[in-house]
Amino acid sequence: MKLLCIHVASCQKNKTLSAAYLLRQNSSLLTSISLPQYIRCKENQQQQIENKYKVTQTSNKVLGLVRRFWKKCGDGFVKLGNKMVWWSSSNWGMEFVAGGLGGLAGVVAGHPLDSVRVRQQQHLRGGSAVGILRHMVATQGLSALFRGMGAPMASISFQNAMVFQTYAVLSRVLDRSSVLPEDPPSLGAVLVAGTCTGLLQSLLISPAELLKIRLQLQDKACSDNKNPDSRKGPMSLAKSILKTEGVRGIFRGLSITALRDSPSYGVYFWSYEYTKELLHPGCRKTGEESLQTMLAAGGVAGVSSWIGCYPLDVLKTRLQAQLPCSETTKYAGIVDCYNKSVRGEGYGVLWRGLGTTVSRAFVVNGAVFAAYEFAMRALFQNQVK
């Protein structure tokens, strides 16, 4: 037995369509095929329908697992004054807002000292931090202290929100010692969660720090007129780097940023929680710490996290500051940068600018944690009302 089928003559790719559909379109273009061919055609159609159904089922299962996971991770108790308030996954927007505000406060408070730190590490002017600061203000004005602040401010809200939210989720997931839901995570869970958070956030912060460093060093590039990126803003500079160096250029220094941030963020959150509890016993559970405790604990956390990773930060600054199109390109990688820096300037170069950095870290991170804590309290109080 033979059945009717059809080929559409006008189709360039000679696609075979179903006989029923083509019969409705043009019944004059019919040819005949055998029954086995027809059966195979119908089996293929049925197999495609079953595959689509399986994909839909799998997608629904995955989405369901993700929803249950985040619901489990996102629910818990958080502190609000002297009370513990239930935190649900619907409150994630508050974490983003509070983290963003904390990050912005830290950028504004510490960017002038950060500009001095970068110049010390690059050894552009030499001398002490006070001497570099005076020279910058005298020759370039106060605006030089805030040059390049747009790049970190543009990304700081998202980056800082991700850091605090990721840390909050991981510290609850990794904690196995808390008996009651209102118990704070153990210090061990805090250390591991902070380390994982630092590794993840390096993907976001590395491009922003590359732009910040290039912008902070523009006066040097403009003086020798060899840098095509001189006197550009963050967006223009990013486009120029992508055009001339590609995606690898915008992520230059990512590996050393990850090496720097992974352990330092673990120490960062651990030091904050430990110091806060030391200064105000019981405050991790009650949430009754004062502003002075937040500022002091945040400052200690910032200083502790920087001291251990500072040599890596010096190498990162030098790697990200060099321009491939200029004579300043002299480091092939992390090890090469370390060997050449130590060989040419001694081991002291790895700690150059440490005083400026720890001073800035104390101010910045005190502002970050204080702004974050107060923002969370204000947002929860507004929700309760």
Protein backbone atom coordinates (compact mmCIF):
# COMPACT_ATOMS: atom_id res chain seq x y z
CA MET A 1 0.00 0.00 0.00
CA LYS A 2 1.17 3.47 -0.81
CA LEU A 3 0.23 6.73 0.83
CA LEU A 4 0.18 10.24 -0.51
CA CYS A 5 2.88 12.73 0.36
CA ILE A 6 4.23 15.92 -1.21
CA HIS A 7 7.30 18.02 -1.90
CA VAL A 8 7.03 21.76 -2.01
CA ALA A 9 8.75 22.81 -5.21
CA SER A 10 9.29 26.41 -4.10
CA CYS A 11 11.25 25.45 -0.96
CA GLN A 12 14.98 25.78 -1.57
CA LYS A 13 15.92 23.32 1.17
CA ASN A 14 13.43 20.63 -0.04
CA LYS A 15 11.91 20.21 3.40
CA THR A 16 9.31 17.43 3.65
CA LEU A 17 6.15 18.56 5.44
CA SER A 18 3.20 16.55 6.70
CA ALA A 19 0.86 15.33 3.98
CA ALA A 20 -2.21 16.68 5.72
CA TYR A 21 -0.80 20.21 5.94
CA LEU A 22 0.47 20.25 2.36
CA LEU A 23 -2.76 18.77 1.05
CA ARG A 24 -4.58 21.77 2.43
CA GLN A 25 -2.06 24.13 0.85
CA ASN A 26 -1.83 22.70 -2.68
CA SER A 27 -3.37 19.37 -3.60
CA SER A 28 -1.88 19.44 -7.10
CA LEU A 29 1.69 18.76 -5.97
CA LEU A 30 1.18 15.20 -4.71
CA THR A 31 3.53 12.28 -5.11
CA SER A 32 3.47 8.86 -3.49
CA ILE A 33 5.67 7.22 -0.82
CA SER A 34 5.69 3.81 0.80
CA LEU A 35 4.10 2.90 4.12
CA PRO A 36 7.47 2.35 5.96
CA GLN A 37 8.57 5.86 5.01
CA TYR A 38 5.33 7.28 6.32
CA ILE A 39 5.68 5.31 9.58
CA ARG A 40 9.24 6.58 10.09
CA CYS A 41 8.06 10.14 9.48
CA LYS A 42 5.32 9.79 12.10
CA GLU A 43 7.73 8.17 14.57
CA ASN A 44 10.16 11.07 14.17
CA GLN A 45 7.38 13.54 14.81
CA GLN A 46 6.30 11.63 17.92
CA GLN A 47 9.90 11.46 19.16
CA GLN A 48 10.29 15.24 18.78
CA ILE A 49 7.11 15.80 20.79
CA GLU A 50 8.35 13.45 23.54
CA ASN A 51 11.76 15.15 23.64
CA LYS A 52 10.14 18.56 24.05
CA TYR A 53 7.99 17.18 26.86
CA LYS A 54 11.03 15.70 28.63
CA VAL A 55 12.93 18.98 28.35
CA THR A 56 9.97 20.86 29.79
CA GLN A 57 9.66 18.38 32.65
CA THR A 58 13.37 18.57 33.43
CA SER A 59 13.32 22.38 33.36
CA ASN A 60 10.37 22.47 35.76
CA LYS A 61 12.13 20.09 38.14
CA VAL A 62 15.33 22.15 38.10
CA LEU A 63 13.43 25.38 38.68
CA GLY A 64 11.54 23.74 41.54
CA LEU A 65 14.78 22.60 43.17
CA VAL A 66 16.28 26.07 42.80
CA ARG A 67 13.22 27.69 44.33
CA ARG A 68 13.24 25.27 47.28
CA PHE A 69 17.00 25.72 47.75
CA TRP A 70 16.85 29.51 47.85
CA LYS A 71 13.77 29.42 50.02
CA LYS A 72 15.62 27.22 52.47
CA CYS A 73 18.80 29.29 52.30
CA GLY A 74 17.05 32.64 52.32
CA ASP A 75 14.81 31.95 55.34
CA GLY A 76 16.06 32.49 58.85
CA PHE A 77 16.32 34.93 61.75
CA VAL A 78 18.17 38.23 61.52
CA LYS A 79 18.76 40.85 64.16
CA LEU A 80 16.73 44.03 64.49
CA GLY A 81 17.73 45.98 67.55
CA ASN A 82 17.29 43.62 70.49
CA LYS A 83 14.89 41.32 68.61
CA MET A 84 15.30 38.49 66.14
CA VAL A 85 13.10 38.99 63.06
CA TRP A 86 12.26 36.23 60.58
CA TRP A 87 13.98 36.74 57.25
CA SER A 88 12.32 35.29 54.17
CA SER A 89 13.53 34.97 50.60
CA SER A 90 11.17 37.81 49.61
CA ASN A 91 13.38 40.26 51.53
CA TRP A 92 16.38 39.95 49.23
CA GLY A 93 15.88 43.47 47.91
CA MET A 94 16.65 44.82 51.36
CA GLU A 95 20.00 43.01 51.44
CA PHE A 96 20.90 44.53 48.08
CA VAL A 97 19.94 48.04 49.16
CA ALA A 98 21.74 47.80 52.51
CA GLY A 99 24.84 46.28 50.93
CA GLY A 100 24.90 48.94 48.24
CA LEU A 101 24.60 51.76 50.75
CA GLY A 102 27.38 50.28 52.84
CA GLY A 103 29.64 49.99 49.83
CA LEU A 104 28.96 53.55 48.67
CA ALA A 105 29.73 54.87 52.14
CA GLY A 106 33.03 53.02 52.08
CA VAL A 107 34.00 54.36 48.65
CA VAL A 108 33.32 57.98 49.56
CA ALA A 109 35.14 57.66 52.90
CA GLY A 110 38.26 55.94 51.59
CA HIS A 111 38.86 56.94 47.98
CA PRO A 112 41.26 59.85 48.70
CA LEU A 113 43.55 57.59 50.71
CA ASP A 114 43.20 54.90 48.06
CA SER A 115 44.51 57.32 45.43
CA VAL A 116 47.55 57.97 47.64
CA ARG A 117 48.05 54.20 48.13
CA VAL A 118 48.07 53.52 44.38
CA ARG A 119 50.69 56.21 43.79
CA GLN A 120 52.86 54.85 46.59
CA GLN A 121 52.73 51.34 45.13
CA GLN A 122 53.60 52.64 41.67
CA HIS A 123 56.34 54.87 43.09
CA LEU A 124 55.33 57.71 40.77
CA ARG A 125 56.31 60.54 43.10
CA GLY A 126 58.15 58.90 45.94
CA GLY A 127 58.11 60.16 49.52
CA SER A 128 55.60 59.68 52.31
CA ALA A 129 51.84 59.52 52.08
CA VAL A 130 51.54 63.05 53.46
CA GLY A 131 54.00 64.35 50.87
CA ILE A 132 52.15 62.66 48.01
CA LEU A 133 48.84 63.99 49.32
CA ARG A 134 50.14 67.56 49.49
CA HIS A 135 51.68 67.32 46.02
CA MET A 136 48.42 66.04 44.52
CA VAL A 137 46.34 68.81 46.06
CA ALA A 138 48.88 71.53 45.17
CA THR A 139 49.35 70.52 41.53
CA GLN A 140 45.99 69.00 40.58
CA GLY A 141 43.49 70.28 43.12
CA LEU A 142 41.18 68.44 45.49
CA SER A 143 39.41 66.75 42.59
CA ALA A 144 42.53 64.61 42.04
CA LEU A 145 41.78 62.80 45.31
CA PHE A 146 38.46 61.59 43.91
CA ARG A 147 39.59 60.82 40.36
CA GLY A 148 38.54 57.35 39.28
CA MET A 149 35.81 57.11 41.91
CA GLY A 150 33.13 56.68 39.24
CA ALA A 151 34.28 53.17 38.31
CA PRO A 152 33.98 51.62 41.80
CA MET A 153 30.83 53.61 42.58
CA ALA A 154 29.17 52.37 39.38
CA SER A 155 29.65 48.74 40.41
CA ILE A 156 29.80 48.97 44.19
CA SER A 157 26.08 48.68 44.87
CA PHE A 158 25.73 45.41 42.98
CA GLN A 159 29.09 44.05 44.10
CA ASN A 160 28.63 44.86 47.78
CA ALA A 161 25.03 43.62 47.77
CA MET A 162 26.19 40.34 46.25
CA VAL A 163 28.98 40.04 48.83
CA PHE A 164 26.75 40.51 51.86
CA GLN A 165 23.88 38.42 50.51
CA THR A 166 26.14 35.59 49.36
CA TYR A 167 27.91 35.61 52.71
CA ALA A 168 24.60 35.55 54.60
CA VAL A 169 23.33 32.57 52.58
CA LEU A 170 26.58 30.57 52.72
CA SER A 171 27.13 31.17 56.44
CA ARG A 172 23.70 29.66 57.17
CA VAL A 173 24.07 26.77 54.71
CA LEU A 174 27.56 25.80 55.90
CA ASP A 175 26.78 26.10 59.61
CA ARG A 176 26.09 22.79 61.34
CA SER A 177 26.65 23.78 64.98
CA SER A 178 23.67 26.08 65.59
CA VAL A 179 20.90 24.30 67.50
CA LEU A 180 18.19 26.95 67.31
CA PRO A 181 17.26 29.02 64.22
CA GLU A 182 18.04 32.26 66.04
CA ASP A 183 21.58 31.15 66.88
CA PRO A 184 24.24 33.04 64.91
CA PRO A 185 26.45 30.99 62.58
CA SER A 186 29.64 29.59 64.09
CA LEU A 187 32.91 31.39 63.51
CA GLY A 188 34.14 28.44 61.45
CA ALA A 189 31.16 28.75 59.10
CA VAL A 190 31.77 32.50 58.93
CA LEU A 191 35.40 31.92 57.85
CA VAL A 192 34.51 29.40 55.12
CA ALA A 193 31.55 31.45 53.86
CA GLY A 194 33.69 34.57 53.68
CA THR A 195 36.38 32.73 51.71
CA CYS A 196 33.86 31.45 49.15
CA THR A 197 32.31 34.92 48.91
CA GLY A 198 35.68 36.50 48.17
CA LEU A 199 36.32 34.04 45.37
CA LEU A 200 32.97 34.77 43.71
CA GLN A 201 33.11 38.55 44.05
CA SER A 202 36.55 38.76 42.42
CA LEU A 203 34.79 38.28 39.07
CA LEU A 204 32.94 41.56 39.66
CA ILE A 205 35.59 43.66 41.36
CA SER A 206 38.56 42.89 39.08
CA PRO A 207 37.33 44.91 36.04
CA ALA A 208 36.23 47.80 38.29
CA GLU A 209 39.62 47.96 40.01
CA LEU A 210 41.40 47.83 36.66
CA LEU A 211 39.49 50.93 35.49
CA LYS A 212 40.01 52.67 38.84
CA ILE A 213 43.77 52.13 38.79
CA ARG A 214 44.11 53.28 35.17
CA LEU A 215 42.08 56.43 35.91
CA GLN A 216 44.02 57.19 39.08
CA LEU A 217 47.27 57.08 37.12
CA GLN A 218 46.10 59.25 34.23
CA ASP A 219 48.25 62.23 35.17
CA LYS A 220 51.38 60.13 34.57
CA ALA A 221 50.08 58.94 31.20
CA CYS A 222 49.12 62.44 30.12
CA SER A 223 52.54 63.83 30.96
CA ASP A 224 54.33 61.53 28.50
CA ASN A 225 51.49 61.53 25.91
CA LYS A 226 51.96 57.82 25.23
CA ASN A 227 48.67 56.53 26.58
CA PRO A 228 45.72 56.69 24.18
CA ASP A 229 43.33 56.22 27.12
CA SER A 230 44.43 59.40 28.90
CA ARG A 231 41.75 61.81 30.14
CA LYS A 232 38.89 59.36 29.54
CA GLY A 233 36.01 58.49 31.80
CA PRO A 234 35.22 54.97 33.07
CA MET A 235 32.91 54.01 30.19
CA SER A 236 35.18 55.39 27.49
CA LEU A 237 38.18 53.71 29.06
CA ALA A 238 36.35 50.37 29.26
CA LYS A 239 35.39 50.56 25.59
CA SER A 240 38.95 51.46 24.65
CA ILE A 241 40.38 48.51 26.60
CA LEU A 242 37.90 46.10 25.03
CA LYS A 243 38.77 47.43 21.58
CA THR A 244 42.55 47.31 21.96
CA GLU A 245 43.06 44.40 24.38
CA GLY A 246 39.85 42.39 24.12
CA VAL A 247 38.01 40.64 26.94
CA ARG A 248 41.33 39.45 28.42
CA GLY A 249 42.34 43.07 28.80
CA ILE A 250 39.31 44.06 30.88
CA PHE A 251 39.90 41.03 33.12
CA ARG A 252 43.64 41.60 33.45
CA GLY A 253 44.67 40.71 37.00
CA LEU A 254 41.66 38.43 37.68
CA SER A 255 43.74 35.48 38.91
CA ILE A 256 45.73 37.52 41.40
CA THR A 257 42.55 39.31 42.50
CA ALA A 258 41.01 35.92 43.33
CA LEU A 259 44.15 34.88 45.22
CA ARG A 260 44.00 38.12 47.18
CA ASP A 261 40.26 38.21 47.94
CA SER A 262 39.49 34.57 48.80
CA PRO A 263 41.45 34.36 52.09
CA SER A 264 41.13 38.06 52.88
CA TYR A 265 37.31 37.97 52.85
CA GLY A 266 37.34 34.95 55.12
CA VAL A 267 39.50 36.87 57.60
CA TYR A 268 37.36 39.97 56.98
CA PHE A 269 34.02 38.54 58.11
CA TRP A 270 35.58 36.37 60.83
CA SER A 271 37.40 39.36 62.36
CA TYR A 272 34.24 41.46 62.31
CA GLU A 273 32.12 38.84 64.06
CA TYR A 274 34.84 37.96 66.58
CA THR A 275 35.70 41.58 67.45
CA LYS A 276 32.06 42.56 67.73
CA GLU A 277 31.40 39.75 70.18
CA LEU A 278 34.58 40.59 72.09
CA LEU A 279 33.63 44.26 72.50
CA HIS A 280 29.97 43.58 73.26
CA PRO A 281 29.46 39.99 74.54
CA GLY A 282 26.21 38.46 73.38
CA CYS A 283 25.54 41.01 70.66
CA ARG A 284 25.77 38.45 67.84
CA LYS A 285 22.63 36.83 69.21
CA THR A 286 20.76 39.89 70.47
CA GLY A 287 21.77 42.45 67.83
CA GLU A 288 22.32 45.16 70.46
CA GLU A 289 25.75 46.37 69.36
CA SER A 290 26.28 50.12 69.39
CA LEU A 291 27.59 52.39 66.64
CA GLN A 292 30.98 52.50 68.33
CA THR A 293 31.13 48.69 68.30
CA MET A 294 30.22 48.56 64.59
CA LEU A 295 32.85 51.15 63.68
CA ALA A 296 35.59 49.52 65.77
CA ALA A 297 34.80 45.96 64.65
CA GLY A 298 34.54 47.01 61.02
CA GLY A 299 37.85 48.85 61.24
CA VAL A 300 39.62 45.87 62.81
CA ALA A 301 38.15 43.60 60.14
CA GLY A 302 39.44 45.85 57.37
CA VAL A 303 42.93 46.10 58.82
CA SER A 304 43.18 42.35 59.50
CA SER A 305 42.11 41.40 56.00
CA TRP A 306 44.58 43.78 54.34
CA ILE A 307 47.72 42.92 56.29
CA GLY A 308 47.86 39.32 55.09
CA CYS A 309 47.11 39.97 51.42
CA TYR A 310 48.94 43.27 50.93
CA PRO A 311 51.93 41.93 48.93
CA LEU A 312 49.47 40.40 46.45
CA ASP A 313 47.72 43.76 46.16
CA VAL A 314 51.01 45.47 45.30
CA LEU A 315 51.62 42.97 42.51
CA LYS A 316 48.01 43.30 41.30
CA THR A 317 48.31 47.08 41.10
CA ARG A 318 51.46 46.85 39.01
CA LEU A 319 50.00 44.24 36.68
CA GLN A 320 46.78 46.19 36.10
CA ALA A 321 48.53 49.55 35.76
CA GLN A 322 50.79 48.51 32.89
CA LEU A 323 49.67 49.34 29.37
CA PRO A 324 50.28 46.81 26.57
CA CYS A 325 50.79 49.59 24.02
CA SER A 326 53.49 51.43 25.95
CA GLU A 327 57.03 50.93 27.20
CA THR A 328 55.71 50.29 30.73
CA THR A 329 54.67 46.74 29.77
CA LYS A 330 57.36 44.78 31.55
CA TYR A 331 55.59 42.06 33.56
CA ALA A 332 54.64 38.79 31.89
CA GLY A 333 52.67 37.50 34.87
CA ILE A 334 52.43 37.24 38.65
CA VAL A 335 55.72 35.41 39.19
CA ASP A 336 57.57 37.65 36.75
CA CYS A 337 56.18 40.75 38.44
CA TYR A 338 57.27 39.45 41.86
CA ASN A 339 60.80 38.58 40.73
CA LYS A 340 61.42 41.86 38.91
CA SER A 341 59.93 44.00 41.69
CA VAL A 342 61.95 42.33 44.44
CA ARG A 343 65.12 42.23 42.34
CA GLY A 344 64.90 45.90 41.45
CA GLU A 345 63.54 47.45 44.67
CA GLY A 346 63.99 44.86 47.43
CA TYR A 347 61.44 43.04 49.56
CA GLY A 348 60.29 46.32 51.05
CA VAL A 349 58.44 47.08 47.84
CA LEU A 350 55.86 44.43 48.75
CA TRP A 351 54.86 46.46 51.80
CA ARG A 352 55.12 49.94 50.30
CA GLY A 353 52.06 52.01 51.20
CA LEU A 354 50.89 49.62 53.92
CA GLY A 355 50.44 52.42 56.46
CA THR A 356 48.17 54.35 54.11
CA THR A 357 46.23 51.20 53.27
CA VAL A 358 45.49 50.10 56.83
CA SER A 359 44.52 53.66 57.78
CA ARG A 360 42.11 53.73 54.87
CA ALA A 361 40.86 50.21 55.66
CA PHE A 362 39.93 51.15 59.20
CA VAL A 363 37.91 54.18 58.09
CA VAL A 364 36.31 52.51 55.06
CA ASN A 365 35.20 49.27 56.65
CA GLY A 366 33.94 50.95 59.78
CA ALA A 367 31.72 53.05 57.50
CA VAL A 368 30.71 49.99 55.43
CA PHE A 369 29.51 47.88 58.34
CA ALA A 370 27.87 50.78 60.17
CA ALA A 371 25.96 51.87 57.07
CA TYR A 372 24.96 48.28 56.29
CA GLU A 373 23.72 47.50 59.80
CA PHE A 374 21.72 50.71 60.14
CA ALA A 375 20.27 50.37 56.65
CA MET A 376 19.07 46.85 57.44
CA ARG A 377 17.48 48.01 60.68
CA ALA A 378 15.75 50.93 58.98
CA LEU A 379 14.44 48.72 56.17
CA PHE A 380 13.09 46.10 58.57
CA GLN A 381 11.47 48.71 60.78
CA ASN A 382 9.80 50.23 57.73
CA GLN A 383 8.55 46.76 56.71
CA VAL A 384 7.15 46.09 60.20
CA LYS A 385 5.24 49.37 60.11
